[in-house]
């Protein structure tokens, strides 16, 4: 019997992963990144988060941020006949309200544990992709890169704090001030989100462009080897080659449009 692919599988290939950094392995610290995606018909909802290394509840904070993004857009789009029309009405104000909900939830958890809310500090990288449009949001470091008309470009850029290595967190009371929100008028050919641990590998900080050599080969490999590519990518992120350049946790998510340049 031939298995008929779902609507999503005919339109998209999608994958996300979080890999524990070498320093966390060495110090027996759990992965403080989180990543997850869900699929509603032909819509992909994806979120990544990087918990602050100095925060005692960083892992919980990152998982809370990811969960709130997925739950928010699942509730917004579930049962809707035209997800793109709903998303077309979504703007930065809607994301700011979501950030307020995240901040309030963090406050409640912090109170229950009798710790400061800052112990849950975590970033946000969220995306929703439909066949006709997409949106991404970011608070903190990391980034979103999209392939549009055969060209890779940065949709967002890492947010730096007052000091080196600092950023503004999605769980803080000033998260809205650092919100980057981008809505694309058409579906990207490919979309990649990644947390702070991969910035120096995937971004060129001199040109403020995506670093060459990773994105197009990754898209081709994902198209040609949809089963093996996720395994190979996760192994690559945990490899000595990558860990020699970054000892941080690493999260990465890819959405590949099979009706775009790499679906030919």
C-alpha atoms as a PDB file:
ATOM      1  CA  UNK A   1       0.000   0.000   0.000  1.00  0.00           C
ATOM      2  CA  UNK A   2       1.395   3.401  -0.968  1.00  0.00           C
ATOM      3  CA  UNK A   3       1.187   5.927   1.854  1.00  0.00           C
ATOM      4  CA  UNK A   4      -0.273   9.230   0.659  1.00  0.00           C
ATOM      5  CA  UNK A   5       1.729  12.163   2.046  1.00  0.00           C
ATOM      6  CA  UNK A   6      -0.052  14.788   4.120  1.00  0.00           C
ATOM      7  CA  UNK A   7      -0.710  18.269   2.728  1.00  0.00           C
ATOM      8  CA  UNK A   8       2.239  19.524   4.739  1.00  0.00           C
ATOM      9  CA  UNK A   9       4.578  16.842   3.400  1.00  0.00           C
ATOM     10  CA  UNK A  10       3.621  17.691  -0.198  1.00  0.00           C
ATOM     11  CA  UNK A  11       4.328  21.393   0.431  1.00  0.00           C
ATOM     12  CA  UNK A  12       7.084  21.365   3.035  1.00  0.00           C
ATOM     13  CA  UNK A  13       9.943  19.519   4.571  1.00  0.00           C
ATOM     14  CA  UNK A  14      10.559  20.634   8.131  1.00  0.00           C
ATOM     15  CA  UNK A  15      12.909  19.744  10.947  1.00  0.00           C
ATOM     16  CA  UNK A  16      14.249  21.228  14.163  1.00  0.00           C
ATOM     17  CA  UNK A  17      16.709  20.100  16.803  1.00  0.00           C
ATOM     18  CA  UNK A  18      18.493  21.286  19.934  1.00  0.00           C
ATOM     19  CA  UNK A  19      21.970  19.953  20.713  1.00  0.00           C
ATOM     20  CA  UNK A  20      23.759  20.250  24.055  1.00  0.00           C
ATOM     21  CA  UNK A  21      26.952  22.284  23.911  1.00  0.00           C
ATOM     22  CA  UNK A  22      30.387  20.889  24.765  1.00  0.00           C
ATOM     23  CA  UNK A  23      30.708  23.071  27.870  1.00  0.00           C
ATOM     24  CA  UNK A  24      27.379  21.805  29.184  1.00  0.00           C
ATOM     25  CA  UNK A  25      28.385  18.195  28.557  1.00  0.00           C
ATOM     26  CA  UNK A  26      31.684  18.760  30.366  1.00  0.00           C
ATOM     27  CA  UNK A  27      29.954  20.367  33.351  1.00  0.00           C
ATOM     28  CA  UNK A  28      26.971  17.959  33.382  1.00  0.00           C
ATOM     29  CA  UNK A  29      24.538  20.788  32.648  1.00  0.00           C
ATOM     30  CA  UNK A  30      21.388  19.961  30.643  1.00  0.00           C
ATOM     31  CA  UNK A  31      20.682  21.562  27.278  1.00  0.00           C
ATOM     32  CA  UNK A  32      19.243  25.025  27.947  1.00  0.00           C
ATOM     33  CA  UNK A  33      17.955  25.471  24.389  1.00  0.00           C
ATOM     34  CA  UNK A  34      14.513  24.341  23.263  1.00  0.00           C
ATOM     35  CA  UNK A  35      12.951  23.800  19.832  1.00  0.00           C
ATOM     36  CA  UNK A  36       9.660  22.422  18.547  1.00  0.00           C
ATOM     37  CA  UNK A  37       7.338  22.603  15.549  1.00  0.00           C
ATOM     38  CA  UNK A  38       3.775  21.679  14.780  1.00  0.00           C
ATOM     39  CA  UNK A  39       1.823  21.333  11.565  1.00  0.00           C
ATOM     40  CA  UNK A  40      -1.757  22.375  10.869  1.00  0.00           C
ATOM     41  CA  UNK A  41      -2.727  21.260   7.363  1.00  0.00           C
ATOM     42  CA  UNK A  42      -0.395  23.213   5.079  1.00  0.00           C
ATOM     43  CA  UNK A  43       0.902  25.541   7.814  1.00  0.00           C
ATOM     44  CA  UNK A  44       4.115  25.011   9.788  1.00  0.00           C
ATOM     45  CA  UNK A  45       4.564  26.610  13.217  1.00  0.00           C
ATOM     46  CA  UNK A  46       8.160  26.636  14.493  1.00  0.00           C
ATOM     47  CA  UNK A  47       9.821  28.020  17.621  1.00  0.00           C
ATOM     48  CA  UNK A  48      13.335  28.014  19.077  1.00  0.00           C
ATOM     49  CA  UNK A  49      14.616  29.453  22.343  1.00  0.00           C
ATOM     50  CA  UNK A  50      17.983  29.873  24.050  1.00  0.00           C
ATOM     51  CA  UNK A  51      17.885  29.904  27.839  1.00  0.00           C
ATOM     52  CA  UNK A  52      20.423  32.219  29.495  1.00  0.00           C
ATOM     53  CA  UNK A  53      23.441  30.243  30.666  1.00  0.00           C
ATOM     54  CA  UNK A  54      23.576  32.200  33.925  1.00  0.00           C
ATOM     55  CA  UNK A  55      19.918  31.526  34.794  1.00  0.00           C
ATOM     56  CA  UNK A  56      19.113  28.647  37.142  1.00  0.00           C
ATOM     57  CA  UNK A  57      15.799  27.913  35.378  1.00  0.00           C
ATOM     58  CA  UNK A  58      17.047  28.541  31.828  1.00  0.00           C
ATOM     59  CA  UNK A  59      15.874  25.175  30.505  1.00  0.00           C
ATOM     60  CA  UNK A  60      12.365  25.746  31.871  1.00  0.00           C
ATOM     61  CA  UNK A  61      12.299  29.282  30.518  1.00  0.00           C
ATOM     62  CA  UNK A  62      13.266  28.170  27.017  1.00  0.00           C
ATOM     63  CA  UNK A  63      10.660  25.399  26.992  1.00  0.00           C
ATOM     64  CA  UNK A  64       7.991  27.820  28.227  1.00  0.00           C
ATOM     65  CA  UNK A  65       8.742  30.307  25.428  1.00  0.00           C
ATOM     66  CA  UNK A  66       8.580  27.611  22.752  1.00  0.00           C
ATOM     67  CA  UNK A  67       5.367  26.157  24.188  1.00  0.00           C
ATOM     68  CA  UNK A  68       3.620  29.524  24.338  1.00  0.00           C
ATOM     69  CA  UNK A  69       4.470  30.308  20.691  1.00  0.00           C
ATOM     70  CA  UNK A  70       3.156  26.968  19.445  1.00  0.00           C
ATOM     71  CA  UNK A  71       0.048  27.072  21.619  1.00  0.00           C
ATOM     72  CA  UNK A  72      -0.761  30.661  20.630  1.00  0.00           C
ATOM     73  CA  UNK A  73      -0.636  30.073  16.880  1.00  0.00           C
ATOM     74  CA  UNK A  74      -2.256  26.653  17.090  1.00  0.00           C
ATOM     75  CA  UNK A  75      -5.222  28.199  18.904  1.00  0.00           C
ATOM     76  CA  UNK A  76      -5.306  31.114  16.450  1.00  0.00           C
ATOM     77  CA  UNK A  77      -5.218  28.989  13.282  1.00  0.00           C
ATOM     78  CA  UNK A  78      -6.856  25.685  14.201  1.00  0.00           C
ATOM     79  CA  UNK A  79     -10.058  25.224  12.257  1.00  0.00           C
ATOM     80  CA  UNK A  80      -9.473  28.305  10.127  1.00  0.00           C
ATOM     81  CA  UNK A  81     -10.097  27.649   6.399  1.00  0.00           C
ATOM     82  CA  UNK A  82      -7.555  30.325   5.380  1.00  0.00           C
ATOM     83  CA  UNK A  83      -4.584  30.550   7.734  1.00  0.00           C
ATOM     84  CA  UNK A  84      -2.839  33.079   5.506  1.00  0.00           C
ATOM     85  CA  UNK A  85      -5.767  35.495   5.778  1.00  0.00           C
ATOM     86  CA  UNK A  86      -5.608  35.260   9.570  1.00  0.00           C
ATOM     87  CA  UNK A  87      -1.850  35.818   9.607  1.00  0.00           C
ATOM     88  CA  UNK A  88      -2.194  38.774   7.247  1.00  0.00           C
ATOM     89  CA  UNK A  89      -3.964  40.564  10.095  1.00  0.00           C
ATOM     90  CA  UNK A  90      -1.277  39.650  12.615  1.00  0.00           C
ATOM     91  CA  UNK A  91       1.259  42.384  13.390  1.00  0.00           C
ATOM     92  CA  UNK A  92       3.872  43.312  15.978  1.00  0.00           C
ATOM     93  CA  UNK A  93       1.166  44.334  18.454  1.00  0.00           C
ATOM     94  CA  UNK A  94      -0.154  40.773  18.530  1.00  0.00           C
ATOM     95  CA  UNK A  95       3.332  39.435  19.271  1.00  0.00           C
ATOM     96  CA  UNK A  96       3.765  42.028  22.012  1.00  0.00           C
ATOM     97  CA  UNK A  97       0.609  40.678  23.669  1.00  0.00           C
ATOM     98  CA  UNK A  98       2.051  37.174  23.446  1.00  0.00           C
ATOM     99  CA  UNK A  99       5.272  38.428  25.068  1.00  0.00           C
ATOM    100  CA  UNK A 100       3.178  39.878  27.902  1.00  0.00           C
ATOM    101  CA  UNK A 101       1.570  36.465  28.425  1.00  0.00           C
ATOM    102  CA  UNK A 102       5.011  34.843  28.490  1.00  0.00           C
ATOM    103  CA  UNK A 103       6.243  37.421  31.007  1.00  0.00           C
ATOM    104  CA  UNK A 104       3.218  36.837  33.245  1.00  0.00           C
ATOM    105  CA  UNK A 105       3.636  33.048  33.075  1.00  0.00           C
ATOM    106  CA  UNK A 106       7.303  33.354  34.004  1.00  0.00           C
ATOM    107  CA  UNK A 107       6.358  35.549  36.951  1.00  0.00           C
ATOM    108  CA  UNK A 108       3.867  32.975  38.191  1.00  0.00           C
ATOM    109  CA  UNK A 109       6.376  30.121  37.917  1.00  0.00           C
ATOM    110  CA  UNK A 110       9.087  32.172  39.585  1.00  0.00           C
ATOM    111  CA  UNK A 111       6.769  33.002  42.465  1.00  0.00           C
ATOM    112  CA  UNK A 112       5.846  29.348  42.873  1.00  0.00           C
ATOM    113  CA  UNK A 113       9.525  28.382  43.067  1.00  0.00           C
ATOM    114  CA  UNK A 114      10.444  31.413  45.166  1.00  0.00           C
ATOM    115  CA  UNK A 115      13.106  32.605  42.718  1.00  0.00           C
ATOM    116  CA  UNK A 116      13.590  35.772  40.700  1.00  0.00           C
ATOM    117  CA  UNK A 117      11.844  35.903  37.305  1.00  0.00           C
ATOM    118  CA  UNK A 118      15.232  36.523  35.676  1.00  0.00           C
ATOM    119  CA  UNK A 119      16.165  32.931  36.467  1.00  0.00           C
ATOM    120  CA  UNK A 120      13.878  31.924  33.566  1.00  0.00           C
ATOM    121  CA  UNK A 121      15.559  34.244  31.025  1.00  0.00           C
ATOM    122  CA  UNK A 122      15.237  32.940  27.449  1.00  0.00           C
ATOM    123  CA  UNK A 123      15.116  34.274  23.893  1.00  0.00           C
ATOM    124  CA  UNK A 124      12.434  33.793  21.241  1.00  0.00           C
ATOM    125  CA  UNK A 125      12.721  32.782  17.591  1.00  0.00           C
ATOM    126  CA  UNK A 126       9.243  32.085  16.227  1.00  0.00           C
ATOM    127  CA  UNK A 127       7.885  31.493  12.727  1.00  0.00           C
ATOM    128  CA  UNK A 128       4.632  30.569  10.988  1.00  0.00           C
ATOM    129  CA  UNK A 129       4.800  29.541   7.340  1.00  0.00           C
ATOM    130  CA  UNK A 130       1.893  29.045   4.930  1.00  0.00           C
ATOM    131  CA  UNK A 131       1.917  28.380   1.158  1.00  0.00           C
ATOM    132  CA  UNK A 132       1.276  32.068   0.446  1.00  0.00           C
ATOM    133  CA  UNK A 133       2.918  34.053   3.244  1.00  0.00           C
ATOM    134  CA  UNK A 134       5.064  33.714   6.349  1.00  0.00           C
ATOM    135  CA  UNK A 135       5.963  35.643   9.450  1.00  0.00           C
ATOM    136  CA  UNK A 136       8.907  35.508  11.817  1.00  0.00           C
ATOM    137  CA  UNK A 137       9.562  37.127  15.168  1.00  0.00           C
ATOM    138  CA  UNK A 138      12.668  37.402  17.299  1.00  0.00           C
ATOM    139  CA  UNK A 139      13.574  38.733  20.724  1.00  0.00           C
ATOM    140  CA  UNK A 140      17.216  38.294  21.662  1.00  0.00           C
ATOM    141  CA  UNK A 141      20.128  36.798  19.806  1.00  0.00           C
ATOM    142  CA  UNK A 142      20.190  34.145  17.092  1.00  0.00           C
ATOM    143  CA  UNK A 143      18.625  34.834  13.717  1.00  0.00           C
ATOM    144  CA  UNK A 144      16.309  33.995  10.823  1.00  0.00           C
ATOM    145  CA  UNK A 145      17.591  33.474   7.274  1.00  0.00           C
ATOM    146  CA  UNK A 146      15.288  33.022   4.268  1.00  0.00           C
ATOM    147  CA  UNK A 147      15.833  31.935   0.694  1.00  0.00           C
ATOM    148  CA  UNK A 148      13.748  34.201  -1.556  1.00  0.00           C
ATOM    149  CA  UNK A 149      14.014  34.188  -5.361  1.00  0.00           C
ATOM    150  CA  UNK A 150      17.121  32.028  -5.103  1.00  0.00           C
ATOM    151  CA  UNK A 151      18.956  34.450  -2.779  1.00  0.00           C
ATOM    152  CA  UNK A 152      19.682  33.936   0.926  1.00  0.00           C
ATOM    153  CA  UNK A 153      19.186  36.952   3.155  1.00  0.00           C
ATOM    154  CA  UNK A 154      18.840  37.767   6.843  1.00  0.00           C
ATOM    155  CA  UNK A 155      15.326  38.541   8.000  1.00  0.00           C
ATOM    156  CA  UNK A 156      16.480  39.388  11.533  1.00  0.00           C
ATOM    157  CA  UNK A 157      19.764  40.035  13.321  1.00  0.00           C
ATOM    158  CA  UNK A 158      21.053  39.186  16.812  1.00  0.00           C
ATOM    159  CA  UNK A 159      20.175  41.765  19.465  1.00  0.00           C
ATOM    160  CA  UNK A 160      23.090  42.789  21.676  1.00  0.00           C
ATOM    161  CA  UNK A 161      22.764  44.012  25.241  1.00  0.00           C
ATOM    162  CA  UNK A 162      24.697  46.707  27.033  1.00  0.00           C
ATOM    163  CA  UNK A 163      27.747  44.452  27.448  1.00  0.00           C
ATOM    164  CA  UNK A 164      29.440  41.819  25.265  1.00  0.00           C
ATOM    165  CA  UNK A 165      27.572  38.530  25.423  1.00  0.00           C
ATOM    166  CA  UNK A 166      24.370  40.120  26.701  1.00  0.00           C
ATOM    167  CA  UNK A 167      21.030  40.278  24.962  1.00  0.00           C
ATOM    168  CA  UNK A 168      17.395  41.152  25.725  1.00  0.00           C
ATOM    169  CA  UNK A 169      15.223  38.209  26.669  1.00  0.00           C
ATOM    170  CA  UNK A 170      11.675  37.373  25.584  1.00  0.00           C
ATOM    171  CA  UNK A 171      10.833  36.631  29.216  1.00  0.00           C
ATOM    172  CA  UNK A 172      11.758  40.124  30.446  1.00  0.00           C
ATOM    173  CA  UNK A 173       9.505  43.123  31.004  1.00  0.00           C
ATOM    174  CA  UNK A 174      11.284  45.016  28.192  1.00  0.00           C
ATOM    175  CA  UNK A 175      10.955  42.234  25.594  1.00  0.00           C
ATOM    176  CA  UNK A 176       8.674  44.288  23.334  1.00  0.00           C
ATOM    177  CA  UNK A 177      11.377  46.948  22.952  1.00  0.00           C
ATOM    178  CA  UNK A 178      13.635  44.389  21.230  1.00  0.00           C
ATOM    179  CA  UNK A 179      10.978  42.654  19.115  1.00  0.00           C
ATOM    180  CA  UNK A 180      11.877  42.082  15.463  1.00  0.00           C
ATOM    181  CA  UNK A 181       8.817  41.186  13.406  1.00  0.00           C
ATOM    182  CA  UNK A 182       8.845  40.423   9.680  1.00  0.00           C
ATOM    183  CA  UNK A 183       5.934  39.328   7.504  1.00  0.00           C
ATOM    184  CA  UNK A 184       6.783  37.987   4.043  1.00  0.00           C
ATOM    185  CA  UNK A 185       4.281  38.644   1.263  1.00  0.00           C
ATOM    186  CA  UNK A 186       4.905  35.180  -0.139  1.00  0.00           C
ATOM    187  CA  UNK A 187       6.193  31.867   1.134  1.00  0.00           C
ATOM    188  CA  UNK A 188       9.988  31.608   1.275  1.00  0.00           C
ATOM    189  CA  UNK A 189      11.721  28.906  -0.702  1.00  0.00           C
ATOM    190  CA  UNK A 190      13.426  27.966   2.550  1.00  0.00           C
ATOM    191  CA  UNK A 191      13.571  29.347   6.074  1.00  0.00           C
ATOM    192  CA  UNK A 192      16.155  28.690   8.786  1.00  0.00           C
ATOM    193  CA  UNK A 193      16.148  29.813  12.404  1.00  0.00           C
ATOM    194  CA  UNK A 194      19.071  29.311  14.794  1.00  0.00           C
ATOM    195  CA  UNK A 195      20.059  30.255  18.325  1.00  0.00           C
ATOM    196  CA  UNK A 196      23.106  32.089  19.613  1.00  0.00           C
ATOM    197  CA  UNK A 197      25.366  29.036  19.565  1.00  0.00           C
ATOM    198  CA  UNK A 198      25.358  29.023  15.751  1.00  0.00           C
ATOM    199  CA  UNK A 199      25.631  32.764  15.048  1.00  0.00           C
ATOM    200  CA  UNK A 200      29.365  32.791  14.348  1.00  0.00           C
ATOM    201  CA  UNK A 201      29.072  29.826  12.000  1.00  0.00           C
ATOM    202  CA  UNK A 202      26.031  30.991  10.038  1.00  0.00           C
ATOM    203  CA  UNK A 203      26.353  34.790   9.955  1.00  0.00           C
ATOM    204  CA  UNK A 204      29.026  37.093   8.544  1.00  0.00           C
ATOM    205  CA  UNK A 205      29.209  39.902  11.098  1.00  0.00           C
ATOM    206  CA  UNK A 206      31.243  42.145   8.800  1.00  0.00           C
ATOM    207  CA  UNK A 207      28.770  42.123   5.911  1.00  0.00           C
ATOM    208  CA  UNK A 208      25.670  41.361   8.022  1.00  0.00           C
ATOM    209  CA  UNK A 209      24.798  38.624   5.537  1.00  0.00           C
ATOM    210  CA  UNK A 210      24.366  34.865   5.860  1.00  0.00           C
ATOM    211  CA  UNK A 211      27.732  33.115   5.841  1.00  0.00           C
ATOM    212  CA  UNK A 212      28.451  31.316   2.583  1.00  0.00           C
ATOM    213  CA  UNK A 213      28.812  27.574   2.315  1.00  0.00           C
ATOM    214  CA  UNK A 214      26.087  26.272   4.631  1.00  0.00           C
ATOM    215  CA  UNK A 215      22.593  27.238   3.537  1.00  0.00           C
ATOM    216  CA  UNK A 216      22.290  26.217  -0.127  1.00  0.00           C
ATOM    217  CA  UNK A 217      24.072  22.851   0.349  1.00  0.00           C
ATOM    218  CA  UNK A 218      21.878  22.188   3.398  1.00  0.00           C
ATOM    219  CA  UNK A 219      18.710  22.907   1.428  1.00  0.00           C
ATOM    220  CA  UNK A 220      19.798  20.629  -1.413  1.00  0.00           C
ATOM    221  CA  UNK A 221      20.720  17.852   0.987  1.00  0.00           C
ATOM    222  CA  UNK A 222      17.389  18.116   2.804  1.00  0.00           C
ATOM    223  CA  UNK A 223      15.529  17.883  -0.512  1.00  0.00           C
ATOM    224  CA  UNK A 224      17.514  14.874  -1.708  1.00  0.00           C
ATOM    225  CA  UNK A 225      17.805  13.021   1.620  1.00  0.00           C
ATOM    226  CA  UNK A 226      14.792  13.884   3.792  1.00  0.00           C
ATOM    227  CA  UNK A 227      15.291  10.889   6.093  1.00  0.00           C
ATOM    228  CA  UNK A 228      19.061  11.000   6.532  1.00  0.00           C
ATOM    229  CA  UNK A 229      19.600  14.772   6.490  1.00  0.00           C
ATOM    230  CA  UNK A 230      18.143  15.466   9.975  1.00  0.00           C
ATOM    231  CA  UNK A 231      20.344  12.731  11.462  1.00  0.00           C
ATOM    232  CA  UNK A 232      23.423  14.007   9.649  1.00  0.00           C
ATOM    233  CA  UNK A 233      22.730  17.603  10.653  1.00  0.00           C
ATOM    234  CA  UNK A 234      22.338  16.713  14.316  1.00  0.00           C
ATOM    235  CA  UNK A 235      25.592  14.749  14.186  1.00  0.00           C
ATOM    236  CA  UNK A 236      27.316  17.698  12.505  1.00  0.00           C
ATOM    237  CA  UNK A 237      26.121  20.129  15.183  1.00  0.00           C
ATOM    238  CA  UNK A 238      27.553  17.836  17.872  1.00  0.00           C
ATOM    239  CA  UNK A 239      30.802  17.196  15.956  1.00  0.00           C
ATOM    240  CA  UNK A 240      34.303  18.170  17.099  1.00  0.00           C
ATOM    241  CA  UNK A 241      34.500  20.498  14.090  1.00  0.00           C
ATOM    242  CA  UNK A 242      31.561  22.576  15.293  1.00  0.00           C
ATOM    243  CA  UNK A 243      32.339  22.275  19.004  1.00  0.00           C
ATOM    244  CA  UNK A 244      35.824  23.634  18.338  1.00  0.00           C
ATOM    245  CA  UNK A 245      34.176  26.877  17.200  1.00  0.00           C
ATOM    246  CA  UNK A 246      31.341  27.062  19.728  1.00  0.00           C
ATOM    247  CA  UNK A 247      30.851  25.233  23.013  1.00  0.00           C
ATOM    248  CA  UNK A 248      27.318  26.612  23.501  1.00  0.00           C
ATOM    249  CA  UNK A 249      24.020  24.800  23.092  1.00  0.00           C
ATOM    250  CA  UNK A 250      22.752  24.953  19.503  1.00  0.00           C
ATOM    251  CA  UNK A 251      19.238  24.914  18.078  1.00  0.00           C
ATOM    252  CA  UNK A 252      18.306  25.004  14.411  1.00  0.00           C
ATOM    253  CA  UNK A 253      15.040  24.711  12.516  1.00  0.00           C
ATOM    254  CA  UNK A 254      14.503  24.416   8.748  1.00  0.00           C
ATOM    255  CA  UNK A 255      11.342  24.711   6.667  1.00  0.00           C
ATOM    256  CA  UNK A 256      11.891  23.810   3.006  1.00  0.00           C
ATOM    257  CA  UNK A 257       9.264  24.698   0.386  1.00  0.00           C
ATOM    258  CA  UNK A 258       8.947  21.814  -2.056  1.00  0.00           C
ATOM    259  CA  UNK A 259       7.097  24.111  -4.477  1.00  0.00           C
ATOM    260  CA  UNK A 260      10.071  26.481  -4.523  1.00  0.00           C
ATOM    261  CA  UNK A 261      13.506  26.359  -6.090  1.00  0.00           C
ATOM    262  CA  UNK A 262      14.462  23.185  -4.254  1.00  0.00           C
ATOM    263  CA  UNK A 263      11.292  21.349  -5.120  1.00  0.00           C
ATOM    264  CA  UNK A 264      12.037  21.183  -8.838  1.00  0.00           C
END
